[in-house]
PDB file of N, CA and C in Angstrom:
ATOM      1  N   MET A   1     -54.945   3.957 -13.461  1.00  0.00           N
ATOM      2  CA  MET A   1     -53.985   3.432 -14.395  1.00  0.00           C
ATOM      3  C   MET A   1     -53.239   2.302 -13.706  1.00  0.00           C
ATOM      4  N   THR A   2     -53.224   1.166 -14.325  1.00  0.00           N
ATOM      5  CA  THR A   2     -52.511   0.027 -13.760  1.00  0.00           C
ATOM      6  C   THR A   2     -51.300  -0.298 -14.625  1.00  0.00           C
ATOM      7  N   LEU A   3     -50.283  -0.790 -13.968  1.00  0.00           N
ATOM      8  CA  LEU A   3     -49.040  -1.114 -14.650  1.00  0.00           C
ATOM      9  C   LEU A   3     -48.796  -2.603 -14.508  1.00  0.00           C
ATOM     10  N   THR A   4     -48.603  -3.268 -15.584  1.00  0.00           N
ATOM     11  CA  THR A   4     -48.330  -4.705 -15.534  1.00  0.00           C
ATOM     12  C   THR A   4     -46.905  -4.947 -16.005  1.00  0.00           C
ATOM     13  N   LEU A   5     -46.211  -5.726 -15.242  1.00  0.00           N
ATOM     14  CA  LEU A   5     -44.841  -6.075 -15.597  1.00  0.00           C
ATOM     15  C   LEU A   5     -44.811  -7.512 -16.085  1.00  0.00           C
ATOM     16  N   THR A   6     -44.171  -7.713 -17.197  1.00  0.00           N
ATOM     17  CA  THR A   6     -44.022  -9.079 -17.694  1.00  0.00           C
ATOM     18  C   THR A   6     -42.575  -9.504 -17.490  1.00  0.00           C
ATOM     19  N   PRO A   7     -42.360 -10.650 -16.889  1.00  0.00           N
ATOM     20  CA  PRO A   7     -40.983 -11.086 -16.645  1.00  0.00           C
ATOM     21  C   PRO A   7     -40.267 -11.439 -17.947  1.00  0.00           C
ATOM     22  N   VAL A   8     -38.997 -11.104 -17.994  1.00  0.00           N
ATOM     23  CA  VAL A   8     -38.174 -11.406 -19.159  1.00  0.00           C
ATOM     24  C   VAL A   8     -37.490 -12.740 -18.900  1.00  0.00           C
ATOM     25  N   THR A   9     -37.646 -13.660 -19.818  1.00  0.00           N
ATOM     26  CA  THR A   9     -37.090 -14.991 -19.597  1.00  0.00           C
ATOM     27  C   THR A   9     -35.745 -15.189 -20.271  1.00  0.00           C
ATOM     28  N   GLN A  10     -35.389 -14.398 -21.243  1.00  0.00           N
ATOM     29  CA  GLN A  10     -34.090 -14.550 -21.874  1.00  0.00           C
ATOM     30  C   GLN A  10     -33.430 -13.191 -22.018  1.00  0.00           C
ATOM     31  N   GLN A  11     -32.090 -13.215 -22.014  1.00  0.00           N
ATOM     32  CA  GLN A  11     -31.339 -11.974 -22.113  1.00  0.00           C
ATOM     33  C   GLN A  11     -31.332 -11.487 -23.551  1.00  0.00           C
ATOM     34  N   PRO A  12     -31.298 -10.185 -23.722  1.00  0.00           N
ATOM     35  CA  PRO A  12     -31.206  -9.656 -25.078  1.00  0.00           C
ATOM     36  C   PRO A  12     -29.872 -10.059 -25.717  1.00  0.00           C
ATOM     37  N   ALA A  13     -29.854 -10.110 -27.023  1.00  0.00           N
ATOM     38  CA  ALA A  13     -28.637 -10.489 -27.747  1.00  0.00           C
ATOM     39  C   ALA A  13     -27.539  -9.468 -27.484  1.00  0.00           C
ATOM     40  N   GLY A  14     -26.360  -9.965 -27.212  1.00  0.00           N
ATOM     41  CA  GLY A  14     -25.224  -9.080 -26.988  1.00  0.00           C
ATOM     42  C   GLY A  14     -25.047  -8.667 -25.539  1.00  0.00           C
ATOM     43  N   ALA A  15     -25.943  -9.065 -24.653  1.00  0.00           N
ATOM     44  CA  ALA A  15     -25.797  -8.712 -23.244  1.00  0.00           C
ATOM     45  C   ALA A  15     -24.757  -9.625 -22.612  1.00  0.00           C
ATOM     46  N   ILE A  16     -23.873  -9.046 -21.874  1.00  0.00           N
ATOM     47  CA  ILE A  16     -22.813  -9.819 -21.234  1.00  0.00           C
ATOM     48  C   ILE A  16     -23.087  -9.841 -19.743  1.00  0.00           C
ATOM     49  N   ALA A  17     -23.219 -11.011 -19.214  1.00  0.00           N
ATOM     50  CA  ALA A  17     -23.414 -11.159 -17.781  1.00  0.00           C
ATOM     51  C   ALA A  17     -22.043 -11.227 -17.120  1.00  0.00           C
ATOM     52  N   PHE A  18     -21.945 -10.766 -15.890  1.00  0.00           N
ATOM     53  CA  PHE A  18     -20.678 -10.809 -15.172  1.00  0.00           C
ATOM     54  C   PHE A  18     -20.424 -12.226 -14.686  1.00  0.00           C
ATOM     55  N   HIS A  19     -19.279 -12.727 -15.008  1.00  0.00           N
ATOM     56  CA  HIS A  19     -18.859 -14.031 -14.524  1.00  0.00           C
ATOM     57  C   HIS A  19     -17.481 -13.863 -13.907  1.00  0.00           C
ATOM     58  N   GLY A  20     -17.288 -14.347 -12.705  1.00  0.00           N
ATOM     59  CA  GLY A  20     -15.988 -14.266 -12.056  1.00  0.00           C
ATOM     60  C   GLY A  20     -14.974 -15.114 -12.806  1.00  0.00           C
ATOM     61  N   SER A  21     -13.732 -14.725 -12.735  1.00  0.00           N
ATOM     62  CA  SER A  21     -12.683 -15.492 -13.388  1.00  0.00           C
ATOM     63  C   SER A  21     -11.464 -15.524 -12.492  1.00  0.00           C
ATOM     64  N   LYS A  22     -10.468 -16.248 -12.927  1.00  0.00           N
ATOM     65  CA  LYS A  22      -9.245 -16.333 -12.138  1.00  0.00           C
ATOM     66  C   LYS A  22      -8.525 -14.997 -12.081  1.00  0.00           C
ATOM     67  N   ASP A  23      -8.607 -14.203 -13.133  1.00  0.00           N
ATOM     68  CA  ASP A  23      -7.898 -12.929 -13.187  1.00  0.00           C
ATOM     69  C   ASP A  23      -8.899 -11.786 -13.108  1.00  0.00           C
ATOM     70  N   ASN A  24      -9.610 -11.703 -12.002  1.00  0.00           N
ATOM     71  CA  ASN A  24     -10.581 -10.624 -11.855  1.00  0.00           C
ATOM     72  C   ASN A  24      -9.895  -9.358 -11.357  1.00  0.00           C
ATOM     73  N   ALA A  25     -10.644  -8.318 -11.194  1.00  0.00           N
ATOM     74  CA  ALA A  25     -10.085  -7.007 -10.842  1.00  0.00           C
ATOM     75  C   ALA A  25      -9.417  -7.018  -9.473  1.00  0.00           C
ATOM     76  N   VAL A  26      -9.970  -7.747  -8.531  1.00  0.00           N
ATOM     77  CA  VAL A  26      -9.399  -7.765  -7.175  1.00  0.00           C
ATOM     78  C   VAL A  26      -8.031  -8.415  -7.188  1.00  0.00           C
ATOM     79  N   ARG A  27      -7.909  -9.524  -7.901  1.00  0.00           N
ATOM     80  CA  ARG A  27      -6.606 -10.196  -7.945  1.00  0.00           C
ATOM     81  C   ARG A  27      -5.565  -9.350  -8.668  1.00  0.00           C
ATOM     82  N   SER A  28      -5.946  -8.683  -9.724  1.00  0.00           N
ATOM     83  CA  SER A  28      -4.980  -7.841 -10.425  1.00  0.00           C
ATOM     84  C   SER A  28      -4.578  -6.647  -9.562  1.00  0.00           C
ATOM     85  N   LEU A  29      -5.505  -6.140  -8.770  1.00  0.00           N
ATOM     86  CA  LEU A  29      -5.158  -5.049  -7.852  1.00  0.00           C
ATOM     87  C   LEU A  29      -4.197  -5.534  -6.785  1.00  0.00           C
ATOM     88  N   LEU A  30      -4.428  -6.718  -6.255  1.00  0.00           N
ATOM     89  CA  LEU A  30      -3.522  -7.270  -5.248  1.00  0.00           C
ATOM     90  C   LEU A  30      -2.139  -7.531  -5.832  1.00  0.00           C
ATOM     91  N   LYS A  31      -2.076  -7.959  -7.072  1.00  0.00           N
ATOM     92  CA  LYS A  31      -0.782  -8.156  -7.721  1.00  0.00           C
ATOM     93  C   LYS A  31      -0.040  -6.832  -7.843  1.00  0.00           C
ATOM     94  N   ALA A  32      -0.762  -5.783  -8.190  1.00  0.00           N
ATOM     95  CA  ALA A  32      -0.133  -4.469  -8.353  1.00  0.00           C
ATOM     96  C   ALA A  32       0.349  -3.916  -7.022  1.00  0.00           C
ATOM     97  N   MET A  33      -0.348  -4.251  -5.934  1.00  0.00           N
ATOM     98  CA  MET A  33       0.022  -3.726  -4.628  1.00  0.00           C
ATOM     99  C   MET A  33       1.246  -4.419  -4.048  1.00  0.00           C
ATOM    100  N   LYS A  34       1.600  -5.595  -4.544  1.00  0.00           N
ATOM    101  CA  LYS A  34       2.753  -6.308  -4.010  1.00  0.00           C
ATOM    102  C   LYS A  34       4.051  -5.581  -4.293  1.00  0.00           C
ATOM    103  N   GLY A  35       4.102  -4.875  -5.374  1.00  0.00           N
ATOM    104  CA  GLY A  35       5.313  -4.163  -5.730  1.00  0.00           C
ATOM    105  C   GLY A  35       6.231  -5.045  -6.549  1.00  0.00           C
ATOM    106  N   LYS A  36       7.251  -4.453  -7.089  1.00  0.00           N
ATOM    107  CA  LYS A  36       8.186  -5.181  -7.921  1.00  0.00           C
ATOM    108  C   LYS A  36       9.463  -5.435  -7.140  1.00  0.00           C
ATOM    109  N   LYS A  37      10.117  -6.516  -7.472  1.00  0.00           N
ATOM    110  CA  LYS A  37      11.399  -6.824  -6.839  1.00  0.00           C
ATOM    111  C   LYS A  37      12.456  -5.892  -7.415  1.00  0.00           C
ATOM    112  N   LEU A  38      13.140  -5.214  -6.533  1.00  0.00           N
ATOM    113  CA  LEU A  38      14.183  -4.297  -6.942  1.00  0.00           C
ATOM    114  C   LEU A  38      15.530  -4.842  -6.508  1.00  0.00           C
ATOM    115  N   THR A  39      16.556  -4.451  -7.244  1.00  0.00           N
ATOM    116  CA  THR A  39      17.903  -4.782  -6.793  1.00  0.00           C
ATOM    117  C   THR A  39      18.215  -3.893  -5.596  1.00  0.00           C
ATOM    118  N   PRO A  40      19.196  -4.257  -4.788  1.00  0.00           N
ATOM    119  CA  PRO A  40      19.527  -3.400  -3.639  1.00  0.00           C
ATOM    120  C   PRO A  40      19.885  -1.969  -4.031  1.00  0.00           C
ATOM    121  N   GLN A  41      20.531  -1.808  -5.170  1.00  0.00           N
ATOM    122  CA  GLN A  41      20.883  -0.451  -5.616  1.00  0.00           C
ATOM    123  C   GLN A  41      19.635   0.341  -5.981  1.00  0.00           C
ATOM    124  N   GLN A  42      18.687  -0.297  -6.656  1.00  0.00           N
ATOM    125  CA  GLN A  42      17.447   0.385  -7.008  1.00  0.00           C
ATOM    126  C   GLN A  42      16.639   0.730  -5.770  1.00  0.00           C
ATOM    127  N   ALA A  43      16.656  -0.156  -4.782  1.00  0.00           N
ATOM    128  CA  ALA A  43      15.928   0.105  -3.540  1.00  0.00           C
ATOM    129  C   ALA A  43      16.508   1.313  -2.816  1.00  0.00           C
ATOM    130  N   ILE A  44      17.823   1.428  -2.813  1.00  0.00           N
ATOM    131  CA  ILE A  44      18.466   2.571  -2.166  1.00  0.00           C
ATOM    132  C   ILE A  44      18.127   3.864  -2.904  1.00  0.00           C
ATOM    133  N   LEU A  45      18.111   3.816  -4.238  1.00  0.00           N
ATOM    134  CA  LEU A  45      17.754   4.997  -5.016  1.00  0.00           C
ATOM    135  C   LEU A  45      16.300   5.413  -4.752  1.00  0.00           C
ATOM    136  N   GLU A  46      15.403   4.443  -4.661  1.00  0.00           N
ATOM    137  CA  GLU A  46      14.006   4.751  -4.354  1.00  0.00           C
ATOM    138  C   GLU A  46      13.873   5.358  -2.957  1.00  0.00           C
ATOM    139  N   GLN A  47      14.613   4.814  -2.012  1.00  0.00           N
ATOM    140  CA  GLN A  47      14.563   5.338  -0.648  1.00  0.00           C
ATOM    141  C   GLN A  47      15.092   6.769  -0.603  1.00  0.00           C
ATOM    142  N   ASN A  48      16.158   7.031  -1.332  1.00  0.00           N
ATOM    143  CA  ASN A  48      16.698   8.389  -1.394  1.00  0.00           C
ATOM    144  C   ASN A  48      15.720   9.340  -2.072  1.00  0.00           C
ATOM    145  N   ALA A  49      15.012   8.862  -3.089  1.00  0.00           N
ATOM    146  CA  ALA A  49      14.008   9.702  -3.747  1.00  0.00           C
ATOM    147  C   ALA A  49      12.890  10.062  -2.764  1.00  0.00           C
ATOM    148  N   GLY A  50      12.491   9.119  -1.931  1.00  0.00           N
ATOM    149  CA  GLY A  50      11.484   9.388  -0.915  1.00  0.00           C
ATOM    150  C   GLY A  50      11.967  10.396   0.111  1.00  0.00           C
ATOM    151  N   MET A  51      13.232  10.276   0.492  1.00  0.00           N
ATOM    152  CA  MET A  51      13.801  11.219   1.464  1.00  0.00           C
ATOM    153  C   MET A  51      13.840  12.635   0.902  1.00  0.00           C
ATOM    154  N   THR A  52      14.293  12.768  -0.346  1.00  0.00           N
ATOM    155  CA  THR A  52      14.368  14.110  -0.927  1.00  0.00           C
ATOM    156  C   THR A  52      12.979  14.699  -1.144  1.00  0.00           C
ATOM    157  N   TYR A  53      12.014  13.852  -1.524  1.00  0.00           N
ATOM    158  CA  TYR A  53      10.649  14.365  -1.661  1.00  0.00           C
ATOM    159  C   TYR A  53      10.148  14.884  -0.321  1.00  0.00           C
ATOM    160  N   ALA A  54      10.360  14.124   0.738  1.00  0.00           N
ATOM    161  CA  ALA A  54       9.868  14.526   2.056  1.00  0.00           C
ATOM    162  C   ALA A  54      10.548  15.813   2.530  1.00  0.00           C
ATOM    163  N   LEU A  55      11.854  15.942   2.302  1.00  0.00           N
ATOM    164  CA  LEU A  55      12.548  17.166   2.714  1.00  0.00           C
ATOM    165  C   LEU A  55      11.983  18.395   2.010  1.00  0.00           C
ATOM    166  N   ASP A  56      11.713  18.275   0.712  1.00  0.00           N
ATOM    167  CA  ASP A  56      11.146  19.392  -0.035  1.00  0.00           C
ATOM    168  C   ASP A  56       9.686  19.632   0.332  1.00  0.00           C
ATOM    169  N   ALA A  57       8.943  18.555   0.529  1.00  0.00           N
ATOM    170  CA  ALA A  57       7.506  18.666   0.770  1.00  0.00           C
ATOM    171  C   ALA A  57       7.194  19.270   2.129  1.00  0.00           C
ATOM    172  N   ILE A  58       8.043  19.043   3.119  1.00  0.00           N
ATOM    173  CA  ILE A  58       7.805  19.604   4.458  1.00  0.00           C
ATOM    174  C   ILE A  58       7.728  21.126   4.376  1.00  0.00           C
ATOM    175  N   LYS A  59       8.577  21.710   3.551  1.00  0.00           N
ATOM    176  CA  LYS A  59       8.632  23.172   3.441  1.00  0.00           C
ATOM    177  C   LYS A  59       7.514  23.729   2.561  1.00  0.00           C
ATOM    178  N   LYS A  60       7.068  22.945   1.558  1.00  0.00           N
ATOM    179  CA  LYS A  60       6.161  23.481   0.551  1.00  0.00           C
ATOM    180  C   LYS A  60       4.692  23.145   0.758  1.00  0.00           C
ATOM    181  N   TYR A  61       4.382  21.935   1.187  1.00  0.00           N
ATOM    182  CA  TYR A  61       3.011  21.442   1.148  1.00  0.00           C
ATOM    183  C   TYR A  61       2.436  21.192   2.536  1.00  0.00           C
ATOM    184  N   PRO A  62       1.121  21.247   2.663  1.00  0.00           N
ATOM    185  CA  PRO A  62       0.490  20.869   3.940  1.00  0.00           C
ATOM    186  C   PRO A  62       0.553  19.351   4.139  1.00  0.00           C
ATOM    187  N   LYS A  63       0.289  18.926   5.357  1.00  0.00           N
ATOM    188  CA  LYS A  63       0.400  17.507   5.707  1.00  0.00           C
ATOM    189  C   LYS A  63      -0.531  16.623   4.888  1.00  0.00           C
ATOM    190  N   GLU A  64      -1.707  17.124   4.543  1.00  0.00           N
ATOM    191  CA  GLU A  64      -2.674  16.309   3.810  1.00  0.00           C
ATOM    192  C   GLU A  64      -2.165  15.955   2.410  1.00  0.00           C
ATOM    193  N   VAL A  65      -1.475  16.879   1.780  1.00  0.00           N
ATOM    194  CA  VAL A  65      -0.948  16.637   0.437  1.00  0.00           C
ATOM    195  C   VAL A  65       0.164  15.588   0.499  1.00  0.00           C
ATOM    196  N   ILE A  66       1.018  15.696   1.491  1.00  0.00           N
ATOM    197  CA  ILE A  66       2.106  14.726   1.658  1.00  0.00           C
ATOM    198  C   ILE A  66       1.530  13.345   1.951  1.00  0.00           C
ATOM    199  N   LYS A  67       0.531  13.303   2.812  1.00  0.00           N
ATOM    200  CA  LYS A  67      -0.095  12.023   3.158  1.00  0.00           C
ATOM    201  C   LYS A  67      -0.728  11.377   1.929  1.00  0.00           C
ATOM    202  N   GLN A  68      -1.393  12.170   1.105  1.00  0.00           N
ATOM    203  CA  GLN A  68      -2.032  11.653  -0.103  1.00  0.00           C
ATOM    204  C   GLN A  68      -0.996  11.087  -1.069  1.00  0.00           C
ATOM    205  N   ARG A  69       0.104  11.790  -1.249  1.00  0.00           N
ATOM    206  CA  ARG A  69       1.162  11.310  -2.157  1.00  0.00           C
ATOM    207  C   ARG A  69       1.761  10.007  -1.658  1.00  0.00           C
ATOM    208  N   LEU A  70       1.997   9.904  -0.355  1.00  0.00           N
ATOM    209  CA  LEU A  70       2.576   8.678   0.185  1.00  0.00           C
ATOM    210  C   LEU A  70       1.605   7.508   0.082  1.00  0.00           C
ATOM    211  N   MET A  71       0.314   7.771   0.232  1.00  0.00           N
ATOM    212  CA  MET A  71      -0.678   6.707   0.066  1.00  0.00           C
ATOM    213  C   MET A  71      -0.705   6.232  -1.381  1.00  0.00           C
ATOM    214  N   GLN A  72      -0.606   7.153  -2.327  1.00  0.00           N
ATOM    215  CA  GLN A  72      -0.579   6.776  -3.746  1.00  0.00           C
ATOM    216  C   GLN A  72       0.655   5.936  -4.057  1.00  0.00           C
ATOM    217  N   GLU A  73       1.792   6.339  -3.524  1.00  0.00           N
ATOM    218  CA  GLU A  73       3.022   5.587  -3.769  1.00  0.00           C
ATOM    219  C   GLU A  73       2.941   4.196  -3.153  1.00  0.00           C
ATOM    220  N   ALA A  74       2.354   4.095  -1.972  1.00  0.00           N
ATOM    221  CA  ALA A  74       2.216   2.790  -1.324  1.00  0.00           C
ATOM    222  C   ALA A  74       1.281   1.887  -2.115  1.00  0.00           C
ATOM    223  N   LEU A  75       0.198   2.445  -2.645  1.00  0.00           N
ATOM    224  CA  LEU A  75      -0.728   1.649  -3.440  1.00  0.00           C
ATOM    225  C   LEU A  75      -0.106   1.188  -4.757  1.00  0.00           C
ATOM    226  N   MET A  76       0.826   1.958  -5.271  1.00  0.00           N
ATOM    227  CA  MET A  76       1.496   1.561  -6.505  1.00  0.00           C
ATOM    228  C   MET A  76       2.592   0.543  -6.242  1.00  0.00           C
ATOM    229  N   GLY A  77       2.900   0.300  -4.967  1.00  0.00           N
ATOM    230  CA  GLY A  77       3.913  -0.698  -4.641  1.00  0.00           C
ATOM    231  C   GLY A  77       5.306  -0.139  -4.461  1.00  0.00           C
ATOM    232  N   HIS A  78       5.435   1.161  -4.328  1.00  0.00           N
ATOM    233  CA  HIS A  78       6.747   1.788  -4.140  1.00  0.00           C
ATOM    234  C   HIS A  78       7.039   1.909  -2.644  1.00  0.00           C
ATOM    235  N   HIS A  79       7.260   0.769  -2.022  1.00  0.00           N
ATOM    236  CA  HIS A  79       7.422   0.743  -0.566  1.00  0.00           C
ATOM    237  C   HIS A  79       8.753   1.343  -0.116  1.00  0.00           C
ATOM    238  N   ASP A  80       9.781   1.255  -0.935  1.00  0.00           N
ATOM    239  CA  ASP A  80      11.063   1.856  -0.570  1.00  0.00           C
ATOM    240  C   ASP A  80      10.971   3.381  -0.579  1.00  0.00           C
ATOM    241  N   PHE A  81      10.218   3.931  -1.510  1.00  0.00           N
ATOM    242  CA  PHE A  81       9.994   5.377  -1.554  1.00  0.00           C
ATOM    243  C   PHE A  81       9.313   5.833  -0.263  1.00  0.00           C
ATOM    244  N   VAL A  82       8.285   5.107   0.143  1.00  0.00           N
ATOM    245  CA  VAL A  82       7.542   5.459   1.360  1.00  0.00           C
ATOM    246  C   VAL A  82       8.416   5.293   2.591  1.00  0.00           C
ATOM    247  N   LYS A  83       9.260   4.276   2.597  1.00  0.00           N
ATOM    248  CA  LYS A  83      10.157   4.049   3.730  1.00  0.00           C
ATOM    249  C   LYS A  83      11.106   5.234   3.909  1.00  0.00           C
ATOM    250  N   GLY A  84      11.680   5.729   2.813  1.00  0.00           N
ATOM    251  CA  GLY A  84      12.581   6.877   2.896  1.00  0.00           C
ATOM    252  C   GLY A  84      11.863   8.136   3.347  1.00  0.00           C
ATOM    253  N   ALA A  85      10.660   8.352   2.836  1.00  0.00           N
ATOM    254  CA  ALA A  85       9.896   9.538   3.235  1.00  0.00           C
ATOM    255  C   ALA A  85       9.498   9.449   4.701  1.00  0.00           C
ATOM    256  N   ASN A  86       9.138   8.275   5.161  1.00  0.00           N
ATOM    257  CA  ASN A  86       8.746   8.116   6.566  1.00  0.00           C
ATOM    258  C   ASN A  86       9.907   8.372   7.519  1.00  0.00           C
ATOM    259  N   GLU A  87      11.112   8.008   7.119  1.00  0.00           N
ATOM    260  CA  GLU A  87      12.279   8.288   7.963  1.00  0.00           C
ATOM    261  C   GLU A  87      12.431   9.793   8.190  1.00  0.00           C
ATOM    262  N   VAL A  88      12.348  10.546   7.112  1.00  0.00           N
ATOM    263  CA  VAL A  88      12.512  12.002   7.210  1.00  0.00           C
ATOM    264  C   VAL A  88      11.357  12.619   7.997  1.00  0.00           C
ATOM    265  N   LEU A  89      10.135  12.181   7.717  1.00  0.00           N
ATOM    266  CA  LEU A  89       8.976  12.743   8.414  1.00  0.00           C
ATOM    267  C   LEU A  89       8.988  12.403   9.895  1.00  0.00           C
ATOM    268  N   ALA A  90       9.457  11.219  10.258  1.00  0.00           N
ATOM    269  CA  ALA A  90       9.531  10.838  11.673  1.00  0.00           C
ATOM    270  C   ALA A  90      10.573  11.682  12.399  1.00  0.00           C
ATOM    271  N   LYS A  91      11.722  11.907  11.772  1.00  0.00           N
ATOM    272  CA  LYS A  91      12.754  12.752  12.400  1.00  0.00           C
ATOM    273  C   LYS A  91      12.276  14.188  12.556  1.00  0.00           C
ATOM    274  N   ASP A  92      11.561  14.673  11.554  1.00  0.00           N
ATOM    275  CA  ASP A  92      11.037  16.034  11.619  1.00  0.00           C
ATOM    276  C   ASP A  92       9.981  16.155  12.708  1.00  0.00           C
ATOM    277  N   ALA A  93       9.119  15.163  12.831  1.00  0.00           N
ATOM    278  CA  ALA A  93       8.079  15.197  13.857  1.00  0.00           C
ATOM    279  C   ALA A  93       8.705  15.108  15.252  1.00  0.00           C
ATOM    280  N   ALA A  94       9.751  14.276  15.402  1.00  0.00           N
ATOM    281  CA  ALA A  94      10.412  14.162  16.703  1.00  0.00           C
ATOM    282  C   ALA A  94      11.122  15.468  17.062  1.00  0.00           C
ATOM    283  N   LYS A  95      11.666  16.133  16.071  1.00  0.00           N
ATOM    284  CA  LYS A  95      12.363  17.399  16.304  1.00  0.00           C
ATOM    285  C   LYS A  95      11.385  18.497  16.693  1.00  0.00           C
ATOM    286  N   ASN A  96      10.205  18.493  16.066  1.00  0.00           N
ATOM    287  CA  ASN A  96       9.246  19.575  16.292  1.00  0.00           C
ATOM    288  C   ASN A  96       8.264  19.314  17.425  1.00  0.00           C
ATOM    289  N   ILE A  97       8.321  18.166  18.058  1.00  0.00           N
ATOM    290  CA  ILE A  97       7.348  17.847  19.091  1.00  0.00           C
ATOM    291  C   ILE A  97       7.456  18.776  20.299  1.00  0.00           C
ATOM    292  N   TYR A  98       8.639  19.200  20.617  1.00  0.00           N
ATOM    293  CA  TYR A  98       8.817  20.047  21.793  1.00  0.00           C
ATOM    294  C   TYR A  98       8.667  21.532  21.480  1.00  0.00           C
ATOM    295  N   LYS A  99       8.660  21.896  20.212  1.00  0.00           N
ATOM    296  CA  LYS A  99       8.488  23.290  19.837  1.00  0.00           C
ATOM    297  C   LYS A  99       7.058  23.759  20.063  1.00  0.00           C
ATOM    298  N   ALA A 100       6.103  22.861  20.013  1.00  0.00           N
ATOM    299  CA  ALA A 100       4.690  23.236  20.177  1.00  0.00           C
ATOM    300  C   ALA A 100       4.394  23.648  21.610  1.00  0.00           C
ATOM    301  N   LYS A 101       5.117  23.138  22.556  1.00  0.00           N
ATOM    302  CA  LYS A 101       4.863  23.476  23.966  1.00  0.00           C
ATOM    303  C   LYS A 101       5.470  24.756  24.299  1.00  0.00           C
TER     304      LYS A 101
END
């Protein structure tokens, strides 16, 4: 049994070929990662929200869950939230470093 392939010279009707544009998916993702400009008061509130999340999460969740949440927040552009959580997590890690020995 032999199989012969015939080349197709034209696209079927309704087929959409991918063409790059100025507003492609990569650029829109980069725009989303920049984050939004916050007022100083909003930035402080976001930082406090990150701190309270970290304080509660240390007691309740394993490290992998906390890390995943902080990565999601960073990708969404909530850098003040991550900054507040990192402050609490760094202090907790510094406090607990000598307990392991």
